[in-house]
Amino acid sequence: MNDLNSILSEPVAQLGATTITLGHALAFGAIVFLGLFLALVVALWRSARARTIAAAEAAEHARDAEARMAGILQSQAEMQGRMADMQALMERMRTTKDPAERQRLMAEHMRLMHDGMAMMGPMMHGSANEQQGERACADNDMQCRMQRMQNQQGMMGQRMSMMQMMMQQMMEHMTQQDAAATPDSGAGHAH
């Protein structure tokens, strides 16, 4: 034990009038080591916490994206159902011989078209409003950017299909109205 005390009391440096012994140097080294160790522990803890927060945000973003996708899919299904209903009505209008039934079917078809247009309005403006509430994609998040572009492209395709079908059906309405008016006017002139 005496040998250890003599080794630790050996001077290793001289700073002015202060003599630094090996014991002082070792104690200072231990304090520096503990300080660095604590700094490392705190840095690792903060890093783990940041990863946990980032994972929670990513999970929330994924849930939001899934909810938006479910809403988009529901809107698309509703739009496709409405389009099928309008096509079925058009087919019934083409095949019916009864003018009163044709008029009733045309009125029903027009109602469906108005409902379709009313449904499309929020869809067209809703996507812009949703984007305002959405978090921006990170610059390096290509998956997020691609998903947004695909969603927008899919909705645009659905809107365009519905618009095209509605325009086509309006033209058929006009043709049917002209055809219905022509025999009546011709019959009126014959009598």
Protein backbone atom coordinates (compact mmCIF):
# COMPACT_ATOMS: atom_id res chain seq x y z
CA MET A 1 0.00 0.00 0.00
CA ASN A 2 2.89 2.29 0.73
CA ASP A 3 4.25 1.63 -2.73
CA LEU A 4 0.91 2.65 -4.27
CA ASN A 5 0.85 5.89 -2.28
CA SER A 6 4.39 6.68 -3.33
CA ILE A 7 3.58 5.96 -6.99
CA LEU A 8 0.43 8.14 -6.90
CA SER A 9 2.30 10.99 -5.20
CA GLU A 10 5.01 11.05 -7.86
CA PRO A 11 5.02 14.44 -9.57
CA VAL A 12 4.25 14.26 -13.33
CA ALA A 13 3.97 17.95 -14.19
CA GLN A 14 4.64 21.36 -12.72
CA LEU A 15 2.31 24.30 -13.43
CA GLY A 16 3.82 27.35 -11.88
CA ALA A 17 3.91 26.68 -8.16
CA THR A 18 1.44 23.74 -8.41
CA THR A 19 2.78 20.24 -8.67
CA ILE A 20 0.54 17.71 -10.43
CA THR A 21 0.98 14.19 -9.17
CA LEU A 22 0.11 10.92 -10.87
CA GLY A 23 -2.87 10.61 -8.48
CA HIS A 24 -4.14 14.05 -9.51
CA ALA A 25 -3.75 13.15 -13.21
CA LEU A 26 -5.58 9.81 -12.75
CA ALA A 27 -8.41 11.46 -10.79
CA PHE A 28 -8.77 14.13 -13.48
CA GLY A 29 -8.74 11.43 -16.19
CA ALA A 30 -11.45 9.48 -14.33
CA ILE A 31 -13.62 12.60 -14.06
CA VAL A 32 -13.17 13.34 -17.78
CA PHE A 33 -13.98 9.69 -18.61
CA LEU A 34 -17.16 9.80 -16.50
CA GLY A 35 -18.18 13.10 -18.11
CA LEU A 36 -17.67 11.68 -21.61
CA PHE A 37 -19.48 8.49 -20.63
CA LEU A 38 -22.47 10.48 -19.32
CA ALA A 39 -22.47 12.61 -22.47
CA LEU A 40 -22.49 9.43 -24.58
CA VAL A 41 -25.39 7.97 -22.56
CA VAL A 42 -27.40 11.20 -22.94
CA ALA A 43 -26.65 11.34 -26.69
CA LEU A 44 -27.73 7.72 -27.16
CA TRP A 45 -30.89 8.31 -25.13
CA ARG A 46 -31.77 11.40 -27.19
CA SER A 47 -31.10 9.52 -30.42
CA ALA A 48 -33.34 6.63 -29.34
CA ARG A 49 -36.05 9.10 -28.34
CA ALA A 50 -35.80 10.88 -31.71
CA ARG A 51 -36.08 7.53 -33.53
CA THR A 52 -39.13 6.63 -31.44
CA ILE A 53 -40.78 9.96 -32.24
CA ALA A 54 -39.93 9.59 -35.94
CA ALA A 55 -41.36 6.07 -35.96
CA ALA A 56 -44.56 7.29 -34.28
CA GLU A 57 -44.88 10.11 -36.82
CA ALA A 58 -44.27 7.67 -39.69
CA ALA A 59 -46.93 5.33 -38.30
CA GLU A 60 -49.38 8.24 -37.98
CA HIS A 61 -48.57 9.35 -41.53
CA ALA A 62 -49.17 5.78 -42.75
CA ARG A 63 -52.53 5.65 -40.92
CA ASP A 64 -53.51 9.01 -42.44
CA ALA A 65 -52.48 7.80 -45.91
CA GLU A 66 -54.48 4.59 -45.45
CA ALA A 67 -57.53 6.56 -44.33
CA ARG A 68 -57.22 8.90 -47.32
CA MET A 69 -56.80 5.92 -49.63
CA ALA A 70 -59.89 4.27 -48.15
CA GLY A 71 -61.83 7.49 -48.74
CA ILE A 72 -60.57 7.68 -52.31
CA LEU A 73 -61.48 4.06 -52.95
CA GLN A 74 -64.93 4.60 -51.46
CA SER A 75 -65.45 7.68 -53.66
CA GLN A 76 -64.29 5.76 -56.70
CA ALA A 77 -66.65 2.89 -55.89
CA GLU A 78 -69.54 5.33 -55.44
CA MET A 79 -68.67 7.04 -58.71
CA GLN A 80 -68.45 3.72 -60.56
CA GLY A 81 -71.79 2.64 -59.07
CA ARG A 82 -73.39 5.92 -60.13
CA MET A 83 -71.94 5.53 -63.63
CA ALA A 84 -73.31 1.97 -63.85
CA ASP A 85 -76.74 3.20 -62.73
CA MET A 86 -76.72 5.94 -65.37
CA GLN A 87 -75.66 3.50 -68.07
CA ALA A 88 -78.44 1.10 -67.06
CA LEU A 89 -80.98 3.94 -67.23
CA MET A 90 -79.70 4.94 -70.67
CA GLU A 91 -80.07 1.37 -71.87
CA ARG A 92 -83.63 1.22 -70.52
CA MET A 93 -84.40 4.55 -72.23
CA ARG A 94 -83.09 3.18 -75.54
CA THR A 95 -85.18 0.02 -75.32
CA THR A 96 -88.49 1.40 -73.99
CA LYS A 97 -91.26 2.10 -76.45
CA ASP A 98 -93.50 3.99 -74.02
CA PRO A 99 -92.90 7.78 -74.31
CA ALA A 100 -94.12 8.40 -70.73
CA GLU A 101 -91.72 5.75 -69.39
CA ARG A 102 -88.93 7.26 -71.49
CA GLN A 103 -89.65 10.71 -70.00
CA ARG A 104 -89.68 9.25 -66.47
CA LEU A 105 -86.36 7.47 -67.14
CA MET A 106 -84.88 10.65 -68.61
CA ALA A 107 -85.92 12.62 -65.51
CA GLU A 108 -84.37 9.95 -63.28
CA HIS A 109 -81.22 9.97 -65.39
CA MET A 110 -80.98 13.76 -65.15
CA ARG A 111 -81.37 13.51 -61.37
CA LEU A 112 -78.53 10.97 -61.25
CA MET A 113 -76.40 13.25 -63.41
CA HIS A 114 -77.04 16.20 -61.09
CA ASP A 115 -76.22 14.04 -58.08
CA GLY A 116 -73.04 12.89 -59.83
CA MET A 117 -72.00 16.46 -60.50
CA ALA A 118 -72.74 17.39 -56.89
CA MET A 119 -70.61 14.45 -55.75
CA MET A 120 -67.77 15.43 -58.06
CA GLY A 121 -67.60 19.02 -56.76
CA PRO A 122 -66.32 18.15 -53.26
CA MET A 123 -64.07 15.47 -54.74
CA MET A 124 -62.45 17.99 -57.07
CA HIS A 125 -62.11 20.67 -54.42
CA GLY A 126 -61.67 18.22 -51.54
CA SER A 127 -58.37 16.94 -52.85
CA ALA A 128 -56.95 20.49 -52.78
CA ASN A 129 -58.37 21.07 -49.29
CA GLU A 130 -56.96 17.76 -48.09
CA GLN A 131 -53.58 18.68 -49.48
CA GLN A 132 -53.62 21.87 -47.42
CA GLY A 133 -54.13 19.75 -44.29
CA GLU A 134 -51.59 17.13 -45.31
CA ARG A 135 -48.03 17.23 -44.22
CA ALA A 136 -45.65 18.00 -47.02
CA CYS A 137 -43.58 15.12 -48.31
CA ALA A 138 -39.94 15.32 -47.31
CA ASP A 139 -37.59 16.26 -50.15
CA ASN A 140 -36.07 12.78 -50.16
CA ASP A 141 -39.36 10.86 -49.63
CA MET A 142 -39.98 9.67 -53.16
CA GLN A 143 -42.49 7.03 -52.03
CA CYS A 144 -44.70 9.73 -50.49
CA ARG A 145 -44.46 11.89 -53.61
CA MET A 146 -45.21 8.96 -55.94
CA GLN A 147 -48.21 7.89 -53.85
CA ARG A 148 -49.64 11.41 -53.96
CA MET A 149 -49.16 11.64 -57.70
CA GLN A 150 -50.78 8.23 -58.24
CA ASN A 151 -53.74 9.17 -56.03
CA GLN A 152 -54.24 12.42 -57.90
CA GLN A 153 -53.90 10.69 -61.27
CA GLY A 154 -56.41 8.00 -60.27
CA MET A 155 -58.97 10.56 -59.10
CA MET A 156 -58.44 12.64 -62.23
CA GLY A 157 -59.02 9.55 -64.38
CA GLN A 158 -62.24 8.78 -62.51
CA ARG A 159 -63.47 12.36 -62.91
CA MET A 160 -62.63 12.40 -66.59
CA SER A 161 -64.41 9.07 -67.16
CA MET A 162 -67.50 10.30 -65.38
CA MET A 163 -67.46 13.62 -67.25
CA GLN A 164 -67.04 11.86 -70.59
CA MET A 165 -69.87 9.45 -69.84
CA MET A 166 -72.15 12.25 -68.68
CA MET A 167 -71.43 14.31 -71.78
CA GLN A 168 -72.10 11.30 -73.97
CA GLN A 169 -75.35 10.64 -72.17
CA MET A 170 -76.38 14.29 -72.48
CA MET A 171 -75.84 14.02 -76.22
CA GLU A 172 -78.00 10.89 -76.25
CA HIS A 173 -80.67 12.77 -74.26
CA MET A 174 -80.65 15.53 -76.82
CA THR A 175 -80.84 13.03 -79.68
CA GLN A 176 -83.73 11.22 -78.01
CA GLN A 177 -85.54 14.49 -77.34
CA ASP A 178 -85.08 15.51 -80.97
CA ALA A 179 -86.29 12.09 -82.11
CA ALA A 180 -89.27 12.27 -79.76
CA ALA A 181 -90.14 15.78 -80.93
CA THR A 182 -89.85 14.97 -84.64
CA PRO A 183 -92.49 12.17 -84.82
CA ASP A 184 -94.90 14.22 -82.68
CA SER A 185 -94.50 17.29 -84.86
CA GLY A 186 -94.72 15.14 -88.00
CA ALA A 187 -97.81 13.41 -86.71
CA GLY A 188 -99.35 16.75 -85.82
CA HIS A 189 -98.85 18.00 -89.39
CA ALA A 190 -100.35 14.86 -90.88
CA HIS A 191 -103.59 15.19 -88.93
